[in-house]
Amino acid sequence: MDPLHLTTSRRDGTLLVSVSGELDIATTEQLRSHLLHLLQEAGRCSCPEVRLVIELSRLSFIDAAGLGILVAVQNQALSQHTPMHITSAPPAMRRLLRITGLDQHLT
């Protein structure tokens, strides 16, 4: 099992979170907490527009719980008018997003 690792950078109004490892029921709370904290930060920012980008090129596994967290955080981002999307999803995850229809909402 690859532990979940999150790296965050801030640049020109973009909060970029790089995710690596496995995102499953055992690690979703870690990601949810981190992303919600960043959304709070975005809501307090005096910048004209802050966006949240989740980069997944090094994600080795995601289960339904992981997808659920991404959807929940997307809903929170929408409610506070903070653009959020995922990028660089591995091929297996892109397929999963396409099958579930989430590719239209998260990417």
C-alpha atoms as a PDB file:
ATOM      1  CA  MET A   1       0.000   0.000   0.000  1.00  0.00           C
ATOM      2  CA  ASP A   2       1.303   3.440  -0.986  1.00  0.00           C
ATOM      3  CA  PRO A   3       0.607   6.011   1.741  1.00  0.00           C
ATOM      4  CA  LEU A   4      -1.301   9.115   0.690  1.00  0.00           C
ATOM      5  CA  HIS A   5       0.943  12.131   0.298  1.00  0.00           C
ATOM      6  CA  LEU A   6      -0.292  15.690  -0.347  1.00  0.00           C
ATOM      7  CA  THR A   7       1.846  18.588  -1.525  1.00  0.00           C
ATOM      8  CA  THR A   8       0.349  22.071  -1.799  1.00  0.00           C
ATOM      9  CA  SER A   9       1.693  25.078  -3.633  1.00  0.00           C
ATOM     10  CA  ARG A  10       0.239  28.540  -4.095  1.00  0.00           C
ATOM     11  CA  ARG A  11       0.850  30.643  -7.189  1.00  0.00           C
ATOM     12  CA  ASP A  12      -1.003  33.436  -8.966  1.00  0.00           C
ATOM     13  CA  GLY A  13      -4.353  32.673  -7.347  1.00  0.00           C
ATOM     14  CA  THR A  14      -4.070  28.916  -7.821  1.00  0.00           C
ATOM     15  CA  LEU A  15      -3.963  26.471  -4.941  1.00  0.00           C
ATOM     16  CA  LEU A  16      -2.375  23.357  -6.437  1.00  0.00           C
ATOM     17  CA  VAL A  17      -2.590  20.096  -4.516  1.00  0.00           C
ATOM     18  CA  SER A  18      -0.506  17.212  -5.844  1.00  0.00           C
ATOM     19  CA  VAL A  19      -1.783  13.856  -4.635  1.00  0.00           C
ATOM     20  CA  SER A  20       0.255  10.669  -4.655  1.00  0.00           C
ATOM     21  CA  GLY A  21      -0.289   7.201  -3.245  1.00  0.00           C
ATOM     22  CA  GLU A  22      -3.613   5.489  -2.595  1.00  0.00           C
ATOM     23  CA  LEU A  23      -6.880   7.296  -2.021  1.00  0.00           C
ATOM     24  CA  ASP A  24      -9.255   4.891  -0.322  1.00  0.00           C
ATOM     25  CA  ILE A  25     -11.549   4.667   2.682  1.00  0.00           C
ATOM     26  CA  ALA A  26      -8.527   4.745   5.011  1.00  0.00           C
ATOM     27  CA  THR A  27      -7.123   7.998   3.574  1.00  0.00           C
ATOM     28  CA  THR A  28     -10.141   9.985   2.399  1.00  0.00           C
ATOM     29  CA  GLU A  29     -10.470  11.950   5.642  1.00  0.00           C
ATOM     30  CA  GLN A  30      -6.916  13.211   5.267  1.00  0.00           C
ATOM     31  CA  LEU A  31      -7.659  14.511   1.759  1.00  0.00           C
ATOM     32  CA  ARG A  32     -11.101  15.888   2.670  1.00  0.00           C
ATOM     33  CA  SER A  33      -9.732  17.808   5.640  1.00  0.00           C
ATOM     34  CA  HIS A  34      -6.859  19.241   3.626  1.00  0.00           C
ATOM     35  CA  LEU A  35      -9.031  20.331   0.697  1.00  0.00           C
ATOM     36  CA  LEU A  36     -11.720  21.873   2.912  1.00  0.00           C
ATOM     37  CA  HIS A  37      -9.023  23.825   4.757  1.00  0.00           C
ATOM     38  CA  LEU A  38      -7.791  25.153   1.389  1.00  0.00           C
ATOM     39  CA  LEU A  39     -11.335  26.110   0.383  1.00  0.00           C
ATOM     40  CA  GLN A  40     -11.645  28.079   3.624  1.00  0.00           C
ATOM     41  CA  GLU A  41      -8.364  29.790   2.775  1.00  0.00           C
ATOM     42  CA  ALA A  42      -9.678  30.592  -0.709  1.00  0.00           C
ATOM     43  CA  GLY A  43     -12.851  32.053   0.774  1.00  0.00           C
ATOM     44  CA  ARG A  44     -10.824  34.417   2.979  1.00  0.00           C
ATOM     45  CA  CYS A  45      -8.456  35.510   0.208  1.00  0.00           C
ATOM     46  CA  SER A  46      -8.722  39.045  -1.114  1.00  0.00           C
ATOM     47  CA  CYS A  47      -7.546  37.819  -4.527  1.00  0.00           C
ATOM     48  CA  PRO A  48      -9.958  38.442  -7.412  1.00  0.00           C
ATOM     49  CA  GLU A  49     -10.339  34.748  -8.156  1.00  0.00           C
ATOM     50  CA  VAL A  50      -8.742  31.812  -6.412  1.00  0.00           C
ATOM     51  CA  ARG A  51      -9.024  28.343  -7.886  1.00  0.00           C
ATOM     52  CA  LEU A  52      -8.289  24.898  -6.509  1.00  0.00           C
ATOM     53  CA  VAL A  53      -6.508  22.420  -8.780  1.00  0.00           C
ATOM     54  CA  ILE A  54      -5.975  18.807  -7.730  1.00  0.00           C
ATOM     55  CA  GLU A  55      -3.163  17.127  -9.657  1.00  0.00           C
ATOM     56  CA  LEU A  56      -3.399  13.322  -9.659  1.00  0.00           C
ATOM     57  CA  SER A  57      -0.625  12.059 -11.945  1.00  0.00           C
ATOM     58  CA  ARG A  58       1.000  10.111  -9.085  1.00  0.00           C
ATOM     59  CA  LEU A  59      -2.208   8.656  -7.653  1.00  0.00           C
ATOM     60  CA  SER A  60      -1.799   4.881  -7.712  1.00  0.00           C
ATOM     61  CA  PHE A  61      -5.309   3.879  -6.580  1.00  0.00           C
ATOM     62  CA  ILE A  62      -8.733   5.398  -5.927  1.00  0.00           C
ATOM     63  CA  ASP A  63     -11.905   3.699  -4.688  1.00  0.00           C
ATOM     64  CA  ALA A  64     -15.530   4.828  -4.404  1.00  0.00           C
ATOM     65  CA  ALA A  65     -14.821   6.598  -1.113  1.00  0.00           C
ATOM     66  CA  GLY A  66     -12.091   8.620  -2.811  1.00  0.00           C
ATOM     67  CA  LEU A  67     -14.403   9.580  -5.655  1.00  0.00           C
ATOM     68  CA  GLY A  68     -17.049  10.538  -3.102  1.00  0.00           C
ATOM     69  CA  ILE A  69     -14.650  12.924  -1.369  1.00  0.00           C
ATOM     70  CA  LEU A  70     -13.783  14.595  -4.670  1.00  0.00           C
ATOM     71  CA  VAL A  71     -17.480  15.094  -5.413  1.00  0.00           C
ATOM     72  CA  ALA A  72     -18.185  16.420  -1.896  1.00  0.00           C
ATOM     73  CA  VAL A  73     -15.314  18.902  -2.113  1.00  0.00           C
ATOM     74  CA  GLN A  74     -16.441  19.946  -5.614  1.00  0.00           C
ATOM     75  CA  ASN A  75     -19.914  20.658  -4.209  1.00  0.00           C
ATOM     76  CA  GLN A  76     -18.409  22.785  -1.441  1.00  0.00           C
ATOM     77  CA  ALA A  77     -16.263  24.654  -3.962  1.00  0.00           C
ATOM     78  CA  LEU A  78     -19.317  25.347  -6.124  1.00  0.00           C
ATOM     79  CA  SER A  79     -21.307  26.623  -3.155  1.00  0.00           C
ATOM     80  CA  GLN A  80     -18.635  29.209  -2.386  1.00  0.00           C
ATOM     81  CA  HIS A  81     -17.931  30.052  -6.051  1.00  0.00           C
ATOM     82  CA  THR A  82     -14.362  28.743  -6.023  1.00  0.00           C
ATOM     83  CA  PRO A  83     -13.434  27.008  -9.285  1.00  0.00           C
ATOM     84  CA  MET A  84     -12.077  23.509  -8.715  1.00  0.00           C
ATOM     85  CA  HIS A  85     -10.954  20.812 -11.083  1.00  0.00           C
ATOM     86  CA  ILE A  86      -8.695  17.804 -11.247  1.00  0.00           C
ATOM     87  CA  THR A  87      -5.880  17.387 -13.696  1.00  0.00           C
ATOM     88  CA  SER A  88      -3.445  14.733 -14.881  1.00  0.00           C
ATOM     89  CA  ALA A  89      -5.540  11.775 -13.744  1.00  0.00           C
ATOM     90  CA  PRO A  90      -3.894   8.419 -14.546  1.00  0.00           C
ATOM     91  CA  PRO A  91      -5.520   6.426 -17.394  1.00  0.00           C
ATOM     92  CA  ALA A  92      -7.414   4.031 -15.083  1.00  0.00           C
ATOM     93  CA  MET A  93      -8.884   6.949 -13.166  1.00  0.00           C
ATOM     94  CA  ARG A  94      -9.815   8.802 -16.363  1.00  0.00           C
ATOM     95  CA  ARG A  95     -11.703   5.683 -17.432  1.00  0.00           C
ATOM     96  CA  LEU A  96     -13.450   5.494 -14.055  1.00  0.00           C
ATOM     97  CA  LEU A  97     -14.416   9.175 -14.275  1.00  0.00           C
ATOM     98  CA  ARG A  98     -15.762   8.653 -17.790  1.00  0.00           C
ATOM     99  CA  ILE A  99     -17.793   5.561 -16.806  1.00  0.00           C
ATOM    100  CA  THR A 100     -19.342   7.331 -13.801  1.00  0.00           C
ATOM    101  CA  GLY A 101     -19.946  10.575 -15.710  1.00  0.00           C
ATOM    102  CA  LEU A 102     -17.810  12.497 -13.244  1.00  0.00           C
ATOM    103  CA  ASP A 103     -15.403  13.556 -15.975  1.00  0.00           C
ATOM    104  CA  GLN A 104     -17.919  16.253 -16.946  1.00  0.00           C
ATOM    105  CA  HIS A 105     -17.922  17.662 -13.414  1.00  0.00           C
ATOM    106  CA  LEU A 106     -14.402  17.270 -12.073  1.00  0.00           C
ATOM    107  CA  THR A 107     -12.062  17.795 -15.025  1.00  0.00           C
END
